[in-house]
N, C-alpha and C. Protein backbone atom coordinates (compact mmCIF):
# COMPACT_ATOMS: atom_id res chain seq x y z
N MET A 1 42.45 -50.35 -3.65
CA MET A 1 43.30 -51.26 -3.47
C MET A 1 43.78 -50.94 -2.28
N SER A 2 44.89 -52.06 -1.29
CA SER A 2 45.13 -51.57 -0.47
C SER A 2 46.79 -51.96 -0.43
N SER A 3 47.75 -51.27 0.36
CA SER A 3 48.69 -51.77 0.43
C SER A 3 49.21 -52.29 1.43
N ASN A 4 49.85 -52.82 1.50
CA ASN A 4 50.73 -53.74 3.10
C ASN A 4 52.47 -53.37 2.51
N SER A 5 53.01 -52.78 3.38
CA SER A 5 54.13 -52.82 3.52
C SER A 5 54.86 -53.02 5.15
N GLY A 6 53.50 -53.62 6.22
CA GLY A 6 54.01 -53.54 7.21
C GLY A 6 55.01 -54.83 7.30
N VAL A 7 56.27 -54.87 8.42
CA VAL A 7 56.82 -56.52 8.81
C VAL A 7 56.44 -57.24 9.64
N SER A 8 55.49 -56.47 10.30
CA SER A 8 54.90 -56.92 11.78
C SER A 8 54.06 -57.84 11.62
N LEU A 9 53.51 -59.07 12.57
CA LEU A 9 52.51 -59.52 12.46
C LEU A 9 51.32 -58.62 12.28
N ARG A 10 50.80 -57.96 12.62
CA ARG A 10 49.65 -57.09 12.77
C ARG A 10 49.10 -56.66 11.10
N ALA A 11 50.36 -56.10 10.23
CA ALA A 11 49.60 -55.52 8.84
C ALA A 11 50.22 -56.72 8.31
N PRO A 12 50.86 -57.82 7.92
CA PRO A 12 50.52 -58.57 7.10
C PRO A 12 48.86 -60.05 7.20
N PHE A 13 48.73 -60.17 8.83
CA PHE A 13 47.31 -60.95 8.93
C PHE A 13 46.67 -59.83 8.56
N ALA A 14 46.75 -58.60 8.74
CA ALA A 14 45.51 -57.63 8.05
C ALA A 14 45.24 -57.69 6.38
N GLY A 15 46.12 -57.74 6.14
CA GLY A 15 46.40 -57.69 4.26
C GLY A 15 46.05 -58.71 3.80
N ARG A 16 46.38 -60.29 4.31
CA ARG A 16 45.83 -61.43 4.42
C ARG A 16 44.34 -61.70 4.58
N VAL A 17 43.89 -60.59 5.21
CA VAL A 17 42.06 -60.67 5.57
C VAL A 17 41.38 -60.34 4.38
N LEU A 18 42.06 -59.10 3.81
CA LEU A 18 41.33 -58.27 2.84
C LEU A 18 41.72 -59.01 1.91
N ALA A 19 42.97 -59.50 1.84
CA ALA A 19 42.71 -60.43 0.59
C ALA A 19 42.07 -61.33 0.07
N ASP A 20 41.38 -62.51 1.64
CA ASP A 20 40.29 -63.22 1.56
C ASP A 20 39.10 -62.77 1.86
N PHE A 21 38.68 -61.43 1.67
CA PHE A 21 37.62 -60.78 1.49
C PHE A 21 37.26 -60.17 0.07
N GLY A 22 38.32 -60.13 -0.79
CA GLY A 22 38.13 -59.92 -2.47
C GLY A 22 39.39 -58.61 -2.12
N ALA A 23 39.51 -57.80 -1.47
CA ALA A 23 40.18 -57.09 -1.80
C ALA A 23 41.43 -57.31 -2.57
N GLU A 24 41.99 -55.98 -3.79
CA GLU A 24 43.27 -56.35 -4.39
C GLU A 24 44.20 -55.61 -3.05
N VAL A 25 45.14 -56.61 -2.97
CA VAL A 25 46.35 -55.77 -1.61
C VAL A 25 47.88 -56.31 -2.47
N LEU A 26 48.60 -55.29 -2.27
CA LEU A 26 49.53 -54.80 -2.73
C LEU A 26 50.74 -55.31 -2.04
N LYS A 27 51.39 -56.34 -1.95
CA LYS A 27 52.47 -56.14 -0.47
C LYS A 27 53.60 -55.66 -1.41
N VAL A 28 54.70 -54.15 -0.24
CA VAL A 28 55.03 -53.68 -0.91
C VAL A 28 56.86 -53.82 0.04
N ASP A 29 57.96 -54.64 -0.68
CA ASP A 29 58.96 -54.76 0.27
C ASP A 29 60.02 -53.96 -0.31
N SER A 30 61.19 -53.80 0.34
CA SER A 30 62.42 -53.49 -0.28
C SER A 30 62.58 -54.15 -1.26
N PRO A 31 64.08 -53.53 -1.77
CA PRO A 31 64.72 -54.16 -3.42
C PRO A 31 65.76 -54.94 -2.19
N THR A 32 65.50 -54.47 -1.58
CA THR A 32 67.22 -54.69 -1.21
C THR A 32 67.15 -55.79 0.38
N SER A 33 66.16 -56.24 0.99
CA SER A 33 65.61 -57.20 1.65
C SER A 33 63.84 -57.08 1.59
N GLY A 34 63.96 -58.59 1.70
CA GLY A 34 62.49 -59.03 1.56
C GLY A 34 61.96 -58.94 3.33
N ASP A 35 60.41 -59.68 2.94
CA ASP A 35 59.77 -59.32 4.43
C ASP A 35 60.21 -60.77 5.17
N PRO A 36 61.21 -59.96 6.63
CA PRO A 36 61.75 -60.93 7.27
C PRO A 36 60.13 -62.21 7.86
N MET A 37 59.22 -61.88 7.52
CA MET A 37 58.54 -63.43 8.15
C MET A 37 59.00 -64.55 7.16
N ARG A 38 59.34 -64.08 5.17
CA ARG A 38 60.04 -65.12 4.39
C ARG A 38 60.82 -66.72 5.11
N ASP A 39 61.05 -66.12 6.56
CA ASP A 39 62.03 -67.06 6.99
C ASP A 39 61.62 -67.37 8.61
N TRP A 40 60.53 -66.78 8.95
CA TRP A 40 59.92 -67.44 10.24
C TRP A 40 59.47 -69.04 10.20
N GLY A 41 59.45 -70.10 11.18
CA GLY A 41 59.21 -70.58 11.30
C GLY A 41 60.03 -71.97 10.57
N MET A 42 60.17 -73.61 10.89
CA MET A 42 60.79 -74.56 10.43
C MET A 42 60.18 -75.24 9.91
N ALA A 43 58.55 -75.25 8.81
CA ALA A 43 58.01 -75.75 8.25
C ALA A 43 58.53 -75.56 7.07
N TRP A 44 59.56 -76.20 6.35
CA TRP A 44 59.73 -75.67 4.92
C TRP A 44 58.72 -76.38 4.19
N VAL A 45 58.35 -75.76 2.36
CA VAL A 45 57.32 -76.65 1.63
C VAL A 45 57.90 -76.04 0.83
N ASN A 46 58.29 -77.06 -0.52
CA ASN A 46 58.88 -76.70 -1.97
C ASN A 46 59.58 -74.99 -2.06
N GLY A 47 60.74 -75.06 -0.52
CA GLY A 47 61.54 -74.50 -0.39
C GLY A 47 61.04 -73.16 0.17
N ARG A 48 59.79 -72.80 0.59
CA ARG A 48 59.41 -71.51 1.15
C ARG A 48 59.18 -71.99 3.08
N VAL A 49 58.66 -71.23 3.47
CA VAL A 49 57.94 -71.38 5.20
C VAL A 49 56.64 -71.97 4.75
N ARG A 50 56.12 -72.13 5.34
CA ARG A 50 54.65 -72.82 5.26
C ARG A 50 54.06 -71.72 5.82
N TRP A 51 54.36 -70.85 6.69
CA TRP A 51 53.80 -69.89 7.73
C TRP A 51 54.12 -68.66 6.41
N TRP A 52 54.91 -68.07 5.69
CA TRP A 52 54.91 -67.13 4.39
C TRP A 52 54.38 -67.22 3.46
N SER A 53 53.50 -68.60 3.41
CA SER A 53 52.51 -69.40 2.16
C SER A 53 51.52 -68.63 2.12
N VAL A 54 51.03 -69.46 3.65
CA VAL A 54 49.96 -68.84 4.51
C VAL A 54 49.50 -66.72 4.36
N GLN A 55 50.38 -66.42 5.13
CA GLN A 55 50.20 -65.13 5.21
C GLN A 55 50.90 -63.82 3.86
N SER A 56 51.10 -64.53 2.65
CA SER A 56 51.12 -63.86 1.67
C SER A 56 50.06 -64.18 0.48
N ARG A 57 49.07 -65.07 0.98
CA ARG A 57 48.53 -65.72 0.12
C ARG A 57 47.29 -64.25 -0.52
N GLY A 58 46.85 -64.18 -1.80
CA GLY A 58 45.87 -63.40 -2.02
C GLY A 58 46.76 -62.39 -2.46
N LYS A 59 48.04 -62.12 -2.32
CA LYS A 59 48.79 -60.20 -2.33
C LYS A 59 49.42 -60.65 -3.45
N ASN A 60 49.75 -59.67 -4.49
CA ASN A 60 49.91 -59.28 -5.44
C ASN A 60 51.34 -58.69 -4.63
N LEU A 61 52.52 -59.18 -4.85
CA LEU A 61 54.16 -58.84 -4.23
C LEU A 61 55.24 -58.23 -5.40
N ILE A 62 55.81 -56.65 -4.56
CA ILE A 62 56.65 -56.53 -5.69
C ILE A 62 57.64 -55.67 -4.65
N LYS A 63 59.15 -55.44 -5.61
CA LYS A 63 60.10 -54.44 -4.41
C LYS A 63 59.90 -53.29 -5.12
N VAL A 64 59.83 -52.42 -4.47
CA VAL A 64 60.43 -50.84 -4.46
C VAL A 64 60.67 -50.03 -3.51
N ASP A 65 61.99 -49.30 -4.13
CA ASP A 65 62.77 -48.81 -3.25
C ASP A 65 62.10 -47.30 -2.41
N LEU A 66 61.09 -46.84 -1.68
CA LEU A 66 60.12 -46.79 -1.10
C LEU A 66 61.39 -44.63 -0.48
N LYS A 67 62.64 -44.88 -0.81
CA LYS A 67 63.40 -44.02 -0.08
C LYS A 67 63.80 -43.37 -1.25
N SER A 68 62.98 -43.69 -2.93
CA SER A 68 63.75 -42.97 -3.73
C SER A 68 62.08 -42.49 -4.65
N ARG A 69 62.51 -41.14 -5.42
CA ARG A 69 61.68 -40.44 -5.48
C ARG A 69 60.34 -41.57 -6.45
N HIS A 70 61.49 -41.29 -7.58
CA HIS A 70 60.26 -42.65 -8.52
C HIS A 70 59.89 -43.74 -7.49
N GLY A 71 60.26 -44.65 -6.81
CA GLY A 71 59.51 -45.41 -5.65
C GLY A 71 58.08 -45.25 -4.91
N ARG A 72 58.28 -43.77 -4.51
CA ARG A 72 57.08 -43.31 -3.97
C ARG A 72 56.13 -42.96 -5.30
N GLU A 73 56.73 -42.76 -6.42
CA GLU A 73 55.75 -42.30 -7.34
C GLU A 73 55.19 -43.00 -8.15
N LEU A 74 55.97 -43.79 -8.15
CA LEU A 74 55.20 -45.72 -8.47
C LEU A 74 53.67 -46.14 -7.77
N ILE A 75 54.23 -45.97 -6.43
CA ILE A 75 53.40 -46.40 -5.27
C ILE A 75 52.20 -45.26 -5.45
N GLU A 76 52.47 -44.28 -5.81
CA GLU A 76 50.89 -43.18 -5.94
C GLU A 76 50.57 -43.94 -7.41
N GLU A 77 51.05 -43.78 -8.21
CA GLU A 77 50.35 -44.74 -9.06
C GLU A 77 49.22 -45.64 -8.71
N LEU A 78 49.98 -46.49 -8.72
CA LEU A 78 49.52 -47.92 -8.41
C LEU A 78 48.13 -48.03 -7.23
N VAL A 79 48.57 -47.07 -5.68
CA VAL A 79 47.26 -46.56 -5.56
C VAL A 79 46.80 -45.58 -5.08
N GLU A 80 45.51 -45.52 -4.74
CA GLU A 80 44.91 -44.36 -4.91
C GLU A 80 45.21 -43.43 -4.15
N VAL A 81 46.36 -41.99 -3.84
CA VAL A 81 46.22 -41.12 -2.78
C VAL A 81 45.46 -40.26 -2.44
N PRO A 82 45.11 -39.87 -1.75
CA PRO A 82 43.90 -38.77 -0.62
C PRO A 82 44.97 -37.72 -1.17
N THR A 83 44.30 -36.56 -1.44
CA THR A 83 44.81 -35.40 -1.90
C THR A 83 44.70 -34.40 -0.49
């Protein structure tokens, strides 16, 4: 499983490419704010920006507080963390 918590252009694109090739990608967002890419662009379709629909395709989306111990433990359970 690949974890995708980046919000710039490179990380979401890389996660999308991995998903396109069959990887299980987990997109992690903050519980207080979503990915800023959700609002990029002017082409809205079905209440979403078309750009976001392209960048988020094939990903499992969750909101987790990575600043909390519980949030970090949850991610460690979901994603294999090398020791």
